[in-house]
Amino acid sequence: MARTIKVPTWKIKIPRLPQIDPNRPDVFEEMTLQEHLIELRDRIMKVCIGIALGFVIGFILQGRIIEEIRQKANAEAGLQTINPTDPLMLSLKVAMYVAVAIMFPLIIYQLIAFLAPGLTSKEKRIIYISLPFVSFLLFAGIAYGYYVAAPRALDFLSNWNAGSMDWSPNGPETLSFFITLMVGLGLSFQLPVVMFVLAKIGIFPPKKMRKWRRYAFLGITAAAAVITPSTDPFNMAVVAIPLYVLYEVGIVISSVFARTGLRNAETAAAT
């Protein structure tokens, strides 16, 4: 007789963002100060636990990352350290930066979840739609800074008067150089999302974005000068060009997906 064998099956539940009906009436929950503080404490604890787990991963990867930074900085003799504690502190800083980068989506989600009770349904919907793009653009900016902007800048600086100068960069300063570019570009790459939200709310419509192109270019140039540790035109261009491209991408996204802002939609509905 044939014997049937039952194979156990497991169902994995993937967490999803809450489904929000924009037409549902808004109901704001009233909470006491103590309840707000308890919720804030719980969310901070979740963020701290997540960063602690990310720190373990970062500490495992810190040796490889420091070696890659040394290669990208063209430091053939190794990164210089002055204080006896610099090697250890450099490793801990790299591990902490990796932890914050890995857990950034968790940090943003906890922040939004804490502020969500005071937002309308339409505002929540816009924020939850933008959340995946915020994380993607952050990691894209960090990757661009790590693999393109910082190595090209250091290669340019290391070859400047190479015959008369000895290039041996300091370890903590080189790490700060990388972090400044990576964090600055990670935040600057949020430009399309910010433009979409402003257009959807009705503060900065796409028509006005097109008119303000020259002012946007001046602002992006000033931002590139702040983000770039060195003020030479080459490194500023490496930062400014992708930011201006993102501004044009933001105009396209806002024109397609945010033609009607919330203010105009609410006015039309009321009429």
C-alpha atoms as a PDB file:
ATOM      1  CA  MET A   1       0.000   0.000   0.000  1.00  0.00           C
ATOM      2  CA  ALA A   2       1.231   3.430  -0.815  1.00  0.00           C
ATOM      3  CA  ARG A   3       1.879   5.546   2.204  1.00  0.00           C
ATOM      4  CA  THR A   4       1.219   9.263   2.079  1.00  0.00           C
ATOM      5  CA  ILE A   5       3.593  11.530   3.931  1.00  0.00           C
ATOM      6  CA  LYS A   6       2.367  14.883   5.082  1.00  0.00           C
ATOM      7  CA  VAL A   7       5.002  17.539   4.720  1.00  0.00           C
ATOM      8  CA  PRO A   8       4.646  20.351   7.257  1.00  0.00           C
ATOM      9  CA  THR A   9       4.247  23.802   5.805  1.00  0.00           C
ATOM     10  CA  TRP A  10       5.228  27.070   7.407  1.00  0.00           C
ATOM     11  CA  LYS A  11       3.577  30.376   6.699  1.00  0.00           C
ATOM     12  CA  ILE A  12       5.810  33.391   6.970  1.00  0.00           C
ATOM     13  CA  LYS A  13       4.026  36.657   7.621  1.00  0.00           C
ATOM     14  CA  ILE A  14       5.784  39.631   6.084  1.00  0.00           C
ATOM     15  CA  PRO A  15       5.032  42.899   7.868  1.00  0.00           C
ATOM     16  CA  ARG A  16       3.336  45.444   5.684  1.00  0.00           C
ATOM     17  CA  LEU A  17       2.772  49.137   6.004  1.00  0.00           C
ATOM     18  CA  PRO A  18      -0.686  49.935   7.339  1.00  0.00           C
ATOM     19  CA  GLN A  19      -3.392  50.406   4.721  1.00  0.00           C
ATOM     20  CA  ILE A  20      -4.851  53.877   5.001  1.00  0.00           C
ATOM     21  CA  ASP A  21      -8.098  55.032   3.445  1.00  0.00           C
ATOM     22  CA  PRO A  22      -7.635  58.720   2.496  1.00  0.00           C
ATOM     23  CA  ASN A  23     -11.419  59.249   2.435  1.00  0.00           C
ATOM     24  CA  ARG A  24     -11.980  58.013   5.968  1.00  0.00           C
ATOM     25  CA  PRO A  25     -12.725  60.754   8.522  1.00  0.00           C
ATOM     26  CA  ASP A  26      -9.714  61.634  10.649  1.00  0.00           C
ATOM     27  CA  VAL A  27      -9.868  60.559  14.289  1.00  0.00           C
ATOM     28  CA  PHE A  28      -7.153  61.968  16.544  1.00  0.00           C
ATOM     29  CA  GLU A  29      -6.409  60.042  19.713  1.00  0.00           C
ATOM     30  CA  GLU A  30      -5.948  62.106  22.832  1.00  0.00           C
ATOM     31  CA  MET A  31      -3.050  60.992  25.011  1.00  0.00           C
ATOM     32  CA  THR A  32      -1.763  62.304  28.285  1.00  0.00           C
ATOM     33  CA  LEU A  33       1.783  63.563  28.715  1.00  0.00           C
ATOM     34  CA  GLN A  34       2.711  60.404  30.589  1.00  0.00           C
ATOM     35  CA  GLU A  35       1.401  58.201  27.755  1.00  0.00           C
ATOM     36  CA  HIS A  36       3.408  60.238  25.222  1.00  0.00           C
ATOM     37  CA  LEU A  37       6.573  59.838  27.291  1.00  0.00           C
ATOM     38  CA  ILE A  38       6.004  56.083  27.697  1.00  0.00           C
ATOM     39  CA  GLU A  39       5.517  55.668  23.948  1.00  0.00           C
ATOM     40  CA  LEU A  40       8.614  57.774  23.254  1.00  0.00           C
ATOM     41  CA  ARG A  41      10.623  55.645  25.690  1.00  0.00           C
ATOM     42  CA  ASP A  42       9.466  52.411  24.046  1.00  0.00           C
ATOM     43  CA  ARG A  43      10.355  53.617  20.572  1.00  0.00           C
ATOM     44  CA  ILE A  44      13.771  54.881  21.695  1.00  0.00           C
ATOM     45  CA  MET A  45      14.416  51.474  23.273  1.00  0.00           C
ATOM     46  CA  LYS A  46      13.552  49.731  19.987  1.00  0.00           C
ATOM     47  CA  VAL A  47      15.930  52.037  18.116  1.00  0.00           C
ATOM     48  CA  CYS A  48      18.710  51.396  20.657  1.00  0.00           C
ATOM     49  CA  ILE A  49      18.252  47.622  20.418  1.00  0.00           C
ATOM     50  CA  GLY A  50      18.357  47.838  16.609  1.00  0.00           C
ATOM     51  CA  ILE A  51      21.517  49.975  16.659  1.00  0.00           C
ATOM     52  CA  ALA A  52      23.134  47.530  19.116  1.00  0.00           C
ATOM     53  CA  LEU A  53      22.476  44.651  16.717  1.00  0.00           C
ATOM     54  CA  GLY A  54      23.755  46.755  13.816  1.00  0.00           C
ATOM     55  CA  PHE A  55      26.857  47.630  15.827  1.00  0.00           C
ATOM     56  CA  VAL A  56      27.744  43.933  16.052  1.00  0.00           C
ATOM     57  CA  ILE A  57      27.508  43.661  12.271  1.00  0.00           C
ATOM     58  CA  GLY A  58      29.494  46.870  11.854  1.00  0.00           C
ATOM     59  CA  PHE A  59      32.243  45.671  14.190  1.00  0.00           C
ATOM     60  CA  ILE A  60      32.577  42.476  12.155  1.00  0.00           C
ATOM     61  CA  LEU A  61      32.926  44.516   8.946  1.00  0.00           C
ATOM     62  CA  GLN A  62      35.011  47.418  10.291  1.00  0.00           C
ATOM     63  CA  GLY A  63      38.400  45.842   9.441  1.00  0.00           C
ATOM     64  CA  ARG A  64      37.450  45.327   5.821  1.00  0.00           C
ATOM     65  CA  ILE A  65      35.939  48.814   5.556  1.00  0.00           C
ATOM     66  CA  ILE A  66      39.042  50.500   6.997  1.00  0.00           C
ATOM     67  CA  GLU A  67      41.203  48.589   4.542  1.00  0.00           C
ATOM     68  CA  GLU A  68      38.998  49.709   1.645  1.00  0.00           C
ATOM     69  CA  ILE A  69      39.195  53.308   2.873  1.00  0.00           C
ATOM     70  CA  ARG A  70      43.000  53.009   2.967  1.00  0.00           C
ATOM     71  CA  GLN A  71      43.047  51.778  -0.634  1.00  0.00           C
ATOM     72  CA  LYS A  72      40.623  54.438  -1.849  1.00  0.00           C
ATOM     73  CA  ALA A  73      42.712  57.119  -0.081  1.00  0.00           C
ATOM     74  CA  ASN A  74      45.899  55.947  -1.888  1.00  0.00           C
ATOM     75  CA  ALA A  75      47.616  55.536   1.492  1.00  0.00           C
ATOM     76  CA  GLU A  76      50.218  52.945   0.516  1.00  0.00           C
ATOM     77  CA  ALA A  77      51.979  53.076   3.886  1.00  0.00           C
ATOM     78  CA  GLY A  78      48.695  52.885   5.797  1.00  0.00           C
ATOM     79  CA  LEU A  79      46.586  55.513   7.528  1.00  0.00           C
ATOM     80  CA  GLN A  80      48.473  57.537  10.099  1.00  0.00           C
ATOM     81  CA  THR A  81      47.446  57.485  13.757  1.00  0.00           C
ATOM     82  CA  ILE A  82      48.782  59.956  16.308  1.00  0.00           C
ATOM     83  CA  ASN A  83      47.146  59.037  19.602  1.00  0.00           C
ATOM     84  CA  PRO A  84      47.542  55.514  21.056  1.00  0.00           C
ATOM     85  CA  THR A  85      43.753  55.078  21.138  1.00  0.00           C
ATOM     86  CA  ASP A  86      43.207  56.098  17.511  1.00  0.00           C
ATOM     87  CA  PRO A  87      43.160  52.546  16.044  1.00  0.00           C
ATOM     88  CA  LEU A  88      40.508  51.368  18.524  1.00  0.00           C
ATOM     89  CA  MET A  89      38.423  54.521  18.295  1.00  0.00           C
ATOM     90  CA  LEU A  90      38.579  54.386  14.498  1.00  0.00           C
ATOM     91  CA  SER A  91      37.198  50.837  14.538  1.00  0.00           C
ATOM     92  CA  LEU A  92      34.415  51.765  16.970  1.00  0.00           C
ATOM     93  CA  LYS A  93      33.421  54.817  14.917  1.00  0.00           C
ATOM     94  CA  VAL A  94      33.214  52.770  11.709  1.00  0.00           C
ATOM     95  CA  ALA A  95      31.103  50.133  13.477  1.00  0.00           C
ATOM     96  CA  MET A  96      28.732  52.793  14.842  1.00  0.00           C
ATOM     97  CA  TYR A  97      28.340  54.496  11.458  1.00  0.00           C
ATOM     98  CA  VAL A  98      27.543  51.141   9.852  1.00  0.00           C
ATOM     99  CA  ALA A  99      24.986  50.416  12.581  1.00  0.00           C
ATOM    100  CA  VAL A 100      23.189  53.741  12.076  1.00  0.00           C
ATOM    101  CA  ALA A 101      23.182  53.274   8.273  1.00  0.00           C
ATOM    102  CA  ILE A 102      21.752  49.754   8.515  1.00  0.00           C
ATOM    103  CA  MET A 103      19.071  50.735  11.020  1.00  0.00           C
ATOM    104  CA  PHE A 104      18.142  54.019   9.362  1.00  0.00           C
ATOM    105  CA  PRO A 105      14.825  52.630   8.015  1.00  0.00           C
ATOM    106  CA  LEU A 106      13.954  51.502  11.553  1.00  0.00           C
ATOM    107  CA  ILE A 107      14.806  54.944  12.952  1.00  0.00           C
ATOM    108  CA  ILE A 108      12.644  56.707  10.354  1.00  0.00           C
ATOM    109  CA  TYR A 109       9.772  54.267  10.882  1.00  0.00           C
ATOM    110  CA  GLN A 110       9.804  54.733  14.669  1.00  0.00           C
ATOM    111  CA  LEU A 111       9.878  58.515  14.235  1.00  0.00           C
ATOM    112  CA  ILE A 112       6.941  58.462  11.823  1.00  0.00           C
ATOM    113  CA  ALA A 113       4.990  56.030  14.029  1.00  0.00           C
ATOM    114  CA  PHE A 114       5.463  58.373  16.990  1.00  0.00           C
ATOM    115  CA  LEU A 115       4.217  61.386  14.998  1.00  0.00           C
ATOM    116  CA  ALA A 116       1.465  59.504  13.126  1.00  0.00           C
ATOM    117  CA  PRO A 117      -1.348  60.054  15.681  1.00  0.00           C
ATOM    118  CA  GLY A 118      -1.189  63.795  15.009  1.00  0.00           C
ATOM    119  CA  LEU A 119      -1.342  63.474  11.207  1.00  0.00           C
ATOM    120  CA  THR A 120      -4.333  63.274   8.912  1.00  0.00           C
ATOM    121  CA  SER A 121      -5.060  60.163   6.834  1.00  0.00           C
ATOM    122  CA  LYS A 122      -3.880  61.826   3.618  1.00  0.00           C
ATOM    123  CA  GLU A 123      -0.651  63.003   5.256  1.00  0.00           C
ATOM    124  CA  LYS A 124      -0.004  59.494   6.608  1.00  0.00           C
ATOM    125  CA  ARG A 125      -0.607  58.029   3.175  1.00  0.00           C
ATOM    126  CA  ILE A 126       1.919  60.375   1.551  1.00  0.00           C
ATOM    127  CA  ILE A 127       4.538  59.647   4.220  1.00  0.00           C
ATOM    128  CA  TYR A 128       4.101  55.873   4.061  1.00  0.00           C
ATOM    129  CA  ILE A 129       4.335  55.952   0.258  1.00  0.00           C
ATOM    130  CA  SER A 130       7.541  58.009   0.464  1.00  0.00           C
ATOM    131  CA  LEU A 131       9.208  55.861   3.146  1.00  0.00           C
ATOM    132  CA  PRO A 132      10.659  53.134   0.824  1.00  0.00           C
ATOM    133  CA  PHE A 133      12.030  55.791  -1.538  1.00  0.00           C
ATOM    134  CA  VAL A 134      13.632  57.641   1.389  1.00  0.00           C
ATOM    135  CA  SER A 135      15.570  54.502   2.350  1.00  0.00           C
ATOM    136  CA  PHE A 136      16.534  53.705  -1.246  1.00  0.00           C
ATOM    137  CA  LEU A 137      17.788  57.220  -1.979  1.00  0.00           C
ATOM    138  CA  LEU A 138      19.685  57.353   1.322  1.00  0.00           C
ATOM    139  CA  PHE A 139      21.623  54.187   0.510  1.00  0.00           C
ATOM    140  CA  ALA A 140      22.116  55.382  -3.080  1.00  0.00           C
ATOM    141  CA  GLY A 141      23.644  58.632  -1.814  1.00  0.00           C
ATOM    142  CA  ILE A 142      25.858  56.815   0.677  1.00  0.00           C
ATOM    143  CA  ALA A 143      27.022  54.389  -2.013  1.00  0.00           C
ATOM    144  CA  TYR A 144      27.758  57.252  -4.414  1.00  0.00           C
ATOM    145  CA  GLY A 145      29.786  59.025  -1.752  1.00  0.00           C
ATOM    146  CA  TYR A 146      31.694  55.873  -0.767  1.00  0.00           C
ATOM    147  CA  TYR A 147      32.434  54.462  -4.222  1.00  0.00           C
ATOM    148  CA  VAL A 148      32.574  57.580  -6.425  1.00  0.00           C
ATOM    149  CA  ALA A 149      32.764  60.992  -4.723  1.00  0.00           C
ATOM    150  CA  ALA A 150      35.236  60.294  -1.895  1.00  0.00           C
ATOM    151  CA  PRO A 151      37.680  58.102  -3.914  1.00  0.00           C
ATOM    152  CA  ARG A 152      37.769  60.582  -6.806  1.00  0.00           C
ATOM    153  CA  ALA A 153      38.287  63.489  -4.443  1.00  0.00           C
ATOM    154  CA  LEU A 154      41.114  61.738  -2.593  1.00  0.00           C
ATOM    155  CA  ASP A 155      42.715  60.597  -5.845  1.00  0.00           C
ATOM    156  CA  PHE A 156      42.645  64.184  -7.099  1.00  0.00           C
ATOM    157  CA  LEU A 157      44.111  65.529  -3.848  1.00  0.00           C
ATOM    158  CA  SER A 158      46.775  62.816  -3.514  1.00  0.00           C
ATOM    159  CA  ASN A 159      48.130  63.501  -7.005  1.00  0.00           C
ATOM    160  CA  TRP A 160      48.317  67.262  -6.489  1.00  0.00           C
ATOM    161  CA  ASN A 161      52.043  68.157  -6.497  1.00  0.00           C
ATOM    162  CA  ALA A 162      52.791  64.481  -5.865  1.00  0.00           C
ATOM    163  CA  GLY A 163      56.480  64.904  -6.679  1.00  0.00           C
ATOM    164  CA  SER A 164      57.137  67.453  -3.935  1.00  0.00           C
ATOM    165  CA  MET A 165      54.789  66.251  -1.184  1.00  0.00           C
ATOM    166  CA  ASP A 166      54.557  63.046   0.817  1.00  0.00           C
ATOM    167  CA  TRP A 167      50.948  61.796   0.819  1.00  0.00           C
ATOM    168  CA  SER A 168      50.245  60.041   4.128  1.00  0.00           C
ATOM    169  CA  PRO A 169      46.714  60.929   5.266  1.00  0.00           C
ATOM    170  CA  ASN A 170      45.630  60.827   8.895  1.00  0.00           C
ATOM    171  CA  GLY A 171      43.242  57.995   9.781  1.00  0.00           C
ATOM    172  CA  PRO A 172      40.545  59.905  11.756  1.00  0.00           C
ATOM    173  CA  GLU A 173      40.631  62.818   9.294  1.00  0.00           C
ATOM    174  CA  THR A 174      40.272  60.472   6.319  1.00  0.00           C
ATOM    175  CA  LEU A 175      37.308  58.753   7.989  1.00  0.00           C
ATOM    176  CA  SER A 176      35.717  62.155   8.659  1.00  0.00           C
ATOM    177  CA  PHE A 177      36.270  63.024   4.986  1.00  0.00           C
ATOM    178  CA  PHE A 178      34.383  59.889   3.921  1.00  0.00           C
ATOM    179  CA  ILE A 179      31.604  60.324   6.483  1.00  0.00           C
ATOM    180  CA  THR A 180      31.049  63.995   5.568  1.00  0.00           C
ATOM    181  CA  LEU A 181      30.576  63.144   1.908  1.00  0.00           C
ATOM    182  CA  MET A 182      28.488  60.025   2.550  1.00  0.00           C
ATOM    183  CA  VAL A 183      26.113  61.630   5.055  1.00  0.00           C
ATOM    184  CA  GLY A 184      25.846  64.841   3.029  1.00  0.00           C
ATOM    185  CA  LEU A 185      25.073  62.969  -0.182  1.00  0.00           C
ATOM    186  CA  GLY A 186      22.736  60.531   1.587  1.00  0.00           C
ATOM    187  CA  LEU A 187      20.658  63.441   2.872  1.00  0.00           C
ATOM    188  CA  SER A 188      20.941  65.441  -0.355  1.00  0.00           C
ATOM    189  CA  PHE A 189      19.671  62.486  -2.393  1.00  0.00           C
ATOM    190  CA  GLN A 190      16.323  62.913  -0.587  1.00  0.00           C
ATOM    191  CA  LEU A 191      15.665  65.920  -2.856  1.00  0.00           C
ATOM    192  CA  PRO A 192      13.148  64.155  -5.164  1.00  0.00           C
ATOM    193  CA  VAL A 193      11.151  62.871  -2.175  1.00  0.00           C
ATOM    194  CA  VAL A 194      11.096  66.319  -0.547  1.00  0.00           C
ATOM    195  CA  MET A 195       9.982  67.876  -3.839  1.00  0.00           C
ATOM    196  CA  PHE A 196       7.227  65.277  -4.251  1.00  0.00           C
ATOM    197  CA  VAL A 197       5.905  65.865  -0.717  1.00  0.00           C
ATOM    198  CA  LEU A 198       5.973  69.653  -1.137  1.00  0.00           C
ATOM    199  CA  ALA A 199       4.184  69.368  -4.474  1.00  0.00           C
ATOM    200  CA  LYS A 200       1.599  66.959  -3.087  1.00  0.00           C
ATOM    201  CA  ILE A 201       0.892  69.218  -0.133  1.00  0.00           C
ATOM    202  CA  GLY A 202       0.585  72.174  -2.488  1.00  0.00           C
ATOM    203  CA  ILE A 203       3.423  74.307  -1.135  1.00  0.00           C
ATOM    204  CA  PHE A 204       5.782  73.968  -4.119  1.00  0.00           C
ATOM    205  CA  PRO A 205       3.949  72.889  -7.318  1.00  0.00           C
ATOM    206  CA  PRO A 206       5.864  71.553 -10.367  1.00  0.00           C
ATOM    207  CA  LYS A 207       5.171  74.739 -12.346  1.00  0.00           C
ATOM    208  CA  LYS A 208       7.048  76.777  -9.767  1.00  0.00           C
ATOM    209  CA  MET A 209       9.864  74.196  -9.667  1.00  0.00           C
ATOM    210  CA  ARG A 210      10.516  74.781 -13.363  1.00  0.00           C
ATOM    211  CA  LYS A 211      10.607  78.554 -12.894  1.00  0.00           C
ATOM    212  CA  TRP A 212      13.096  78.289 -10.022  1.00  0.00           C
ATOM    213  CA  ARG A 213      15.675  76.197 -11.873  1.00  0.00           C
ATOM    214  CA  ARG A 214      18.379  78.885 -11.742  1.00  0.00           C
ATOM    215  CA  TYR A 215      17.823  79.450  -8.021  1.00  0.00           C
ATOM    216  CA  ALA A 216      17.900  75.702  -7.449  1.00  0.00           C
ATOM    217  CA  PHE A 217      21.219  75.515  -9.300  1.00  0.00           C
ATOM    218  CA  LEU A 218      22.693  78.220  -7.068  1.00  0.00           C
ATOM    219  CA  GLY A 219      21.383  76.456  -3.952  1.00  0.00           C
ATOM    220  CA  ILE A 220      22.764  73.101  -5.106  1.00  0.00           C
ATOM    221  CA  THR A 221      26.153  74.709  -5.776  1.00  0.00           C
ATOM    222  CA  ALA A 222      26.183  76.189  -2.272  1.00  0.00           C
ATOM    223  CA  ALA A 223      25.161  72.823  -0.800  1.00  0.00           C
ATOM    224  CA  ALA A 224      27.948  71.093  -2.751  1.00  0.00           C
ATOM    225  CA  ALA A 225      30.456  73.572  -1.299  1.00  0.00           C
ATOM    226  CA  VAL A 226      29.244  72.704   2.219  1.00  0.00           C
ATOM    227  CA  ILE A 227      29.157  68.942   1.654  1.00  0.00           C
ATOM    228  CA  THR A 228      32.562  68.743  -0.038  1.00  0.00           C
ATOM    229  CA  PRO A 229      35.403  68.992   2.521  1.00  0.00           C
ATOM    230  CA  SER A 230      37.683  70.456  -0.159  1.00  0.00           C
ATOM    231  CA  THR A 231      36.507  73.546  -2.044  1.00  0.00           C
ATOM    232  CA  ASP A 232      38.147  72.802  -5.396  1.00  0.00           C
ATOM    233  CA  PRO A 233      35.863  72.973  -8.472  1.00  0.00           C
ATOM    234  CA  PHE A 234      36.476  69.332  -9.467  1.00  0.00           C
ATOM    235  CA  ASN A 235      35.147  67.832  -6.226  1.00  0.00           C
ATOM    236  CA  MET A 236      32.287  70.327  -6.069  1.00  0.00           C
ATOM    237  CA  ALA A 237      31.230  69.262  -9.573  1.00  0.00           C
ATOM    238  CA  VAL A 238      31.295  65.598  -8.550  1.00  0.00           C
ATOM    239  CA  VAL A 239      28.710  66.455  -5.867  1.00  0.00           C
ATOM    240  CA  ALA A 240      26.708  69.183  -7.630  1.00  0.00           C
ATOM    241  CA  ILE A 241      26.033  67.404 -10.945  1.00  0.00           C
ATOM    242  CA  PRO A 242      24.098  64.421  -9.513  1.00  0.00           C
ATOM    243  CA  LEU A 243      22.159  66.734  -7.186  1.00  0.00           C
ATOM    244  CA  TYR A 244      20.975  68.866 -10.098  1.00  0.00           C
ATOM    245  CA  VAL A 245      20.021  65.704 -12.000  1.00  0.00           C
ATOM    246  CA  LEU A 246      17.963  64.675  -8.959  1.00  0.00           C
ATOM    247  CA  TYR A 247      16.276  68.087  -9.005  1.00  0.00           C
ATOM    248  CA  GLU A 248      15.167  67.458 -12.585  1.00  0.00           C
ATOM    249  CA  VAL A 249      14.024  63.956 -11.578  1.00  0.00           C
ATOM    250  CA  GLY A 250      12.032  65.534  -8.755  1.00  0.00           C
ATOM    251  CA  ILE A 251      10.285  67.829 -11.253  1.00  0.00           C
ATOM    252  CA  VAL A 252       9.315  64.855 -13.420  1.00  0.00           C
ATOM    253  CA  ILE A 253       8.065  62.808 -10.440  1.00  0.00           C
ATOM    254  CA  SER A 254       6.101  65.741  -9.055  1.00  0.00           C
ATOM    255  CA  SER A 255       4.564  66.474 -12.464  1.00  0.00           C
ATOM    256  CA  VAL A 256       3.439  62.868 -12.932  1.00  0.00           C
ATOM    257  CA  PHE A 257       2.406  61.789  -9.438  1.00  0.00           C
ATOM    258  CA  ALA A 258       1.548  65.068  -7.719  1.00  0.00           C
ATOM    259  CA  ARG A 259      -0.359  67.057 -10.291  1.00  0.00           C
ATOM    260  CA  THR A 260      -3.090  67.908  -7.797  1.00  0.00           C
ATOM    261  CA  GLY A 261      -1.943  68.908  -4.330  1.00  0.00           C
ATOM    262  CA  LEU A 262      -3.845  68.112  -1.180  1.00  0.00           C
ATOM    263  CA  ARG A 263      -4.880  71.722  -0.750  1.00  0.00           C
ATOM    264  CA  ASN A 264      -6.351  71.926  -4.259  1.00  0.00           C
ATOM    265  CA  ALA A 265      -8.075  68.571  -3.839  1.00  0.00           C
ATOM    266  CA  GLU A 266      -9.618  69.587  -0.529  1.00  0.00           C
ATOM    267  CA  THR A 267     -10.766  72.916  -2.000  1.00  0.00           C
ATOM    268  CA  ALA A 268     -12.366  71.153  -4.967  1.00  0.00           C
ATOM    269  CA  ALA A 269     -14.058  68.626  -2.674  1.00  0.00           C
ATOM    270  CA  ALA A 270     -15.430  71.402  -0.471  1.00  0.00           C
ATOM    271  CA  THR A 271     -16.725  73.261  -3.531  1.00  0.00           C
END
